[in-house]
Amino acid sequence: MVWTTSKTRSPQGARSLLKVMVEINTELARLHKIIAQQISLNQYIHATNYAEQYISYTSLWNIKFSYNFESPEVALIQLIHLEYIFEQESSSSFIKERQIFSNMQQLFNEYKPYSDEMVNKRQAQMYAYIEMKDEQ
């Protein structure tokens, strides 16, 4: 669950988590804007629709509002969404963006706002959603 690591149990730890989530979400939102210009957004419509269920009052491709930037859930969903896109795109594309993504993923994992089981479940749900929509 959220806020369970030793780094986040104290009030200072909770503030630290918020700062880190803002950093991660800001950087991932920037990556989304960069790659949006170089991919077919239509190819990722189902993944995007799934992800946008977890983002308040804005688009995944143009995230706004402090609540979204402070949210571990938004960070998780952005990570899963970008990972899906990078899996679909050529491994020779987005080299710099993949490195930034990897750094943000490591930072997210350091703070461990969710269990591995929760992360895997959310990712499996997105993939199942995409598969269901592709079959329709």
C-alpha atoms as a PDB file:
ATOM      1  CA  MET A   1       0.000   0.000   0.000  1.00  0.00           C
ATOM      2  CA  VAL A   2       1.008   3.638  -0.100  1.00  0.00           C
ATOM      3  CA  TRP A   3       3.355   5.269   2.431  1.00  0.00           C
ATOM      4  CA  THR A   4       4.627   2.066   4.018  1.00  0.00           C
ATOM      5  CA  THR A   5       8.403   2.204   3.731  1.00  0.00           C
ATOM      6  CA  SER A   6      10.701   3.374   6.484  1.00  0.00           C
ATOM      7  CA  LYS A   7      11.476   6.407   4.305  1.00  0.00           C
ATOM      8  CA  THR A   8       7.826   7.527   4.456  1.00  0.00           C
ATOM      9  CA  ARG A   9       6.630   6.746   7.997  1.00  0.00           C
ATOM     10  CA  SER A  10       7.501  10.103   9.522  1.00  0.00           C
ATOM     11  CA  PRO A  11       5.965  13.449   8.541  1.00  0.00           C
ATOM     12  CA  GLN A  12       9.332  14.385   7.021  1.00  0.00           C
ATOM     13  CA  GLY A  13       9.310  11.123   5.088  1.00  0.00           C
ATOM     14  CA  ALA A  14       5.819  11.833   3.774  1.00  0.00           C
ATOM     15  CA  ARG A  15       6.935  15.285   2.602  1.00  0.00           C
ATOM     16  CA  SER A  16       9.992  13.699   1.037  1.00  0.00           C
ATOM     17  CA  LEU A  17       7.783  11.193  -0.791  1.00  0.00           C
ATOM     18  CA  LEU A  18       5.637  14.045  -2.149  1.00  0.00           C
ATOM     19  CA  LYS A  19       8.733  15.852  -3.424  1.00  0.00           C
ATOM     20  CA  VAL A  20      10.005  12.700  -5.087  1.00  0.00           C
ATOM     21  CA  MET A  21       6.600  11.975  -6.646  1.00  0.00           C
ATOM     22  CA  VAL A  22       6.489  15.521  -8.040  1.00  0.00           C
ATOM     23  CA  GLU A  23       9.970  15.019  -9.510  1.00  0.00           C
ATOM     24  CA  ILE A  24       9.056  11.633 -11.019  1.00  0.00           C
ATOM     25  CA  ASN A  25       5.676  12.738 -12.365  1.00  0.00           C
ATOM     26  CA  THR A  26       7.124  15.929 -13.821  1.00  0.00           C
ATOM     27  CA  GLU A  27       9.878  14.057 -15.619  1.00  0.00           C
ATOM     28  CA  LEU A  28       7.534  11.306 -16.875  1.00  0.00           C
ATOM     29  CA  ALA A  29       5.029  13.914 -18.089  1.00  0.00           C
ATOM     30  CA  ARG A  30       7.880  15.599 -19.962  1.00  0.00           C
ATOM     31  CA  LEU A  31       8.795  12.250 -21.549  1.00  0.00           C
ATOM     32  CA  HIS A  32       5.185  11.743 -22.601  1.00  0.00           C
ATOM     33  CA  LYS A  33       5.192  15.140 -24.329  1.00  0.00           C
ATOM     34  CA  ILE A  34       8.457  14.361 -26.135  1.00  0.00           C
ATOM     35  CA  ILE A  35       7.449  10.955 -27.435  1.00  0.00           C
ATOM     36  CA  ALA A  36       3.904  12.065 -28.322  1.00  0.00           C
ATOM     37  CA  GLN A  37       5.415  14.054 -31.175  1.00  0.00           C
ATOM     38  CA  GLN A  38       7.201  11.011 -32.576  1.00  0.00           C
ATOM     39  CA  ILE A  39       4.683   8.163 -32.322  1.00  0.00           C
ATOM     40  CA  SER A  40       1.213   7.395 -33.573  1.00  0.00           C
ATOM     41  CA  LEU A  41      -0.985   8.233 -30.591  1.00  0.00           C
ATOM     42  CA  ASN A  42      -3.756   6.179 -32.151  1.00  0.00           C
ATOM     43  CA  GLN A  43      -1.597   3.057 -31.821  1.00  0.00           C
ATOM     44  CA  TYR A  44      -1.646   3.523 -28.037  1.00  0.00           C
ATOM     45  CA  ILE A  45      -5.241   4.675 -27.612  1.00  0.00           C
ATOM     46  CA  HIS A  46      -6.300   1.706 -25.460  1.00  0.00           C
ATOM     47  CA  ALA A  47      -3.266   1.956 -23.184  1.00  0.00           C
ATOM     48  CA  THR A  48      -3.863   5.689 -22.891  1.00  0.00           C
ATOM     49  CA  ASN A  49      -7.573   5.285 -22.153  1.00  0.00           C
ATOM     50  CA  TYR A  50      -6.755   2.800 -19.404  1.00  0.00           C
ATOM     51  CA  ALA A  51      -4.111   5.075 -17.887  1.00  0.00           C
ATOM     52  CA  GLU A  52      -6.324   8.142 -17.978  1.00  0.00           C
ATOM     53  CA  GLN A  53      -8.766   6.474 -15.570  1.00  0.00           C
ATOM     54  CA  TYR A  54      -6.188   7.235 -12.868  1.00  0.00           C
ATOM     55  CA  ILE A  55      -5.407  10.838 -13.816  1.00  0.00           C
ATOM     56  CA  SER A  56      -7.696  13.621 -12.627  1.00  0.00           C
ATOM     57  CA  TYR A  57      -9.135  16.258 -14.962  1.00  0.00           C
ATOM     58  CA  THR A  58      -6.414  16.131 -17.611  1.00  0.00           C
ATOM     59  CA  SER A  59      -4.848  14.092 -20.375  1.00  0.00           C
ATOM     60  CA  LEU A  60      -1.964  11.690 -19.920  1.00  0.00           C
ATOM     61  CA  TRP A  61      -0.175  13.506 -22.743  1.00  0.00           C
ATOM     62  CA  ASN A  62      -0.502  16.867 -20.982  1.00  0.00           C
ATOM     63  CA  ILE A  63      -0.748  16.298 -17.231  1.00  0.00           C
ATOM     64  CA  LYS A  64      -1.733  19.274 -15.091  1.00  0.00           C
ATOM     65  CA  PHE A  65      -2.775  19.989 -11.487  1.00  0.00           C
ATOM     66  CA  SER A  66      -0.643  19.526  -8.394  1.00  0.00           C
ATOM     67  CA  TYR A  67      -2.709  16.550  -7.198  1.00  0.00           C
ATOM     68  CA  ASN A  68      -1.619  14.569 -10.257  1.00  0.00           C
ATOM     69  CA  PHE A  69       2.023  15.508  -9.824  1.00  0.00           C
ATOM     70  CA  GLU A  70       2.000  14.526  -6.136  1.00  0.00           C
ATOM     71  CA  SER A  71       0.253  11.201  -6.700  1.00  0.00           C
ATOM     72  CA  PRO A  72       2.153   7.900  -6.476  1.00  0.00           C
ATOM     73  CA  GLU A  73      -0.722   6.336  -8.457  1.00  0.00           C
ATOM     74  CA  VAL A  74      -0.147   8.744 -11.355  1.00  0.00           C
ATOM     75  CA  ALA A  75       3.590   7.994 -11.231  1.00  0.00           C
ATOM     76  CA  LEU A  76       2.869   4.269 -11.337  1.00  0.00           C
ATOM     77  CA  ILE A  77       0.441   4.555 -14.237  1.00  0.00           C
ATOM     78  CA  GLN A  78       2.838   6.790 -16.192  1.00  0.00           C
ATOM     79  CA  LEU A  79       5.635   4.264 -15.655  1.00  0.00           C
ATOM     80  CA  ILE A  80       3.455   1.391 -16.842  1.00  0.00           C
ATOM     81  CA  HIS A  81       2.220   3.381 -19.853  1.00  0.00           C
ATOM     82  CA  LEU A  82       5.704   4.442 -20.938  1.00  0.00           C
ATOM     83  CA  GLU A  83       7.046   0.923 -20.436  1.00  0.00           C
ATOM     84  CA  TYR A  84       4.306  -0.401 -22.708  1.00  0.00           C
ATOM     85  CA  ILE A  85       5.145   2.166 -25.395  1.00  0.00           C
ATOM     86  CA  PHE A  86       8.870   1.446 -25.190  1.00  0.00           C
ATOM     87  CA  GLU A  87       8.140  -2.288 -25.549  1.00  0.00           C
ATOM     88  CA  GLN A  88       6.208  -1.601 -28.759  1.00  0.00           C
ATOM     89  CA  GLU A  89       8.700   0.816 -30.297  1.00  0.00           C
ATOM     90  CA  SER A  90      12.027  -0.118 -31.835  1.00  0.00           C
ATOM     91  CA  SER A  91      14.752  -0.574 -29.246  1.00  0.00           C
ATOM     92  CA  SER A  92      16.905   1.847 -31.208  1.00  0.00           C
ATOM     93  CA  SER A  93      14.384   4.662 -30.791  1.00  0.00           C
ATOM     94  CA  PHE A  94      14.087   6.924 -27.764  1.00  0.00           C
ATOM     95  CA  ILE A  95      17.513   6.017 -26.340  1.00  0.00           C
ATOM     96  CA  LYS A  96      17.798   9.155 -24.194  1.00  0.00           C
ATOM     97  CA  GLU A  97      14.158   8.919 -23.110  1.00  0.00           C
ATOM     98  CA  ARG A  98      14.570   5.265 -22.132  1.00  0.00           C
ATOM     99  CA  GLN A  99      17.512   6.201 -19.907  1.00  0.00           C
ATOM    100  CA  ILE A 100      15.524   8.937 -18.183  1.00  0.00           C
ATOM    101  CA  PHE A 101      12.624   6.494 -17.819  1.00  0.00           C
ATOM    102  CA  SER A 102      14.944   3.930 -16.237  1.00  0.00           C
ATOM    103  CA  ASN A 103      16.250   6.522 -13.768  1.00  0.00           C
ATOM    104  CA  MET A 104      12.707   7.526 -12.780  1.00  0.00           C
ATOM    105  CA  GLN A 105      11.703   3.878 -12.429  1.00  0.00           C
ATOM    106  CA  GLN A 106      14.668   3.289 -10.095  1.00  0.00           C
ATOM    107  CA  LEU A 107      13.777   6.352  -8.035  1.00  0.00           C
ATOM    108  CA  PHE A 108      10.155   5.211  -7.797  1.00  0.00           C
ATOM    109  CA  ASN A 109      11.306   1.757  -6.671  1.00  0.00           C
ATOM    110  CA  GLU A 110      13.582   3.265  -4.009  1.00  0.00           C
ATOM    111  CA  TYR A 111      10.568   4.825  -2.308  1.00  0.00           C
ATOM    112  CA  LYS A 112       8.432   1.726  -2.852  1.00  0.00           C
ATOM    113  CA  PRO A 113       5.005   3.368  -2.499  1.00  0.00           C
ATOM    114  CA  TYR A 114       3.374   0.099  -3.667  1.00  0.00           C
ATOM    115  CA  SER A 115       4.195  -3.557  -3.259  1.00  0.00           C
ATOM    116  CA  ASP A 116       5.588  -5.454  -6.238  1.00  0.00           C
ATOM    117  CA  GLU A 117       2.348  -7.430  -6.248  1.00  0.00           C
ATOM    118  CA  MET A 118       0.302  -4.233  -6.636  1.00  0.00           C
ATOM    119  CA  VAL A 119       2.537  -2.952  -9.439  1.00  0.00           C
ATOM    120  CA  ASN A 120       2.322  -6.259 -11.290  1.00  0.00           C
ATOM    121  CA  LYS A 121      -1.442  -6.380 -10.812  1.00  0.00           C
ATOM    122  CA  ARG A 122      -1.914  -2.863 -12.207  1.00  0.00           C
ATOM    123  CA  GLN A 123       0.291  -3.693 -15.182  1.00  0.00           C
ATOM    124  CA  ALA A 124      -1.587  -6.942 -15.834  1.00  0.00           C
ATOM    125  CA  GLN A 125      -4.892  -5.048 -15.665  1.00  0.00           C
ATOM    126  CA  MET A 126      -3.701  -2.591 -18.302  1.00  0.00           C
ATOM    127  CA  TYR A 127      -2.511  -5.352 -20.616  1.00  0.00           C
ATOM    128  CA  ALA A 128      -5.809  -7.219 -20.192  1.00  0.00           C
ATOM    129  CA  TYR A 129      -7.713  -4.009 -20.955  1.00  0.00           C
ATOM    130  CA  ILE A 130      -5.669  -3.450 -24.119  1.00  0.00           C
ATOM    131  CA  GLU A 131      -6.181  -7.032 -25.240  1.00  0.00           C
ATOM    132  CA  MET A 132      -9.939  -6.829 -24.618  1.00  0.00           C
ATOM    133  CA  LYS A 133     -10.232  -3.559 -26.573  1.00  0.00           C
ATOM    134  CA  ASP A 134      -8.110  -4.896 -29.440  1.00  0.00           C
ATOM    135  CA  GLU A 135     -10.476  -7.861 -29.781  1.00  0.00           C
ATOM    136  CA  GLN A 136     -13.556  -5.642 -30.019  1.00  0.00           C
END
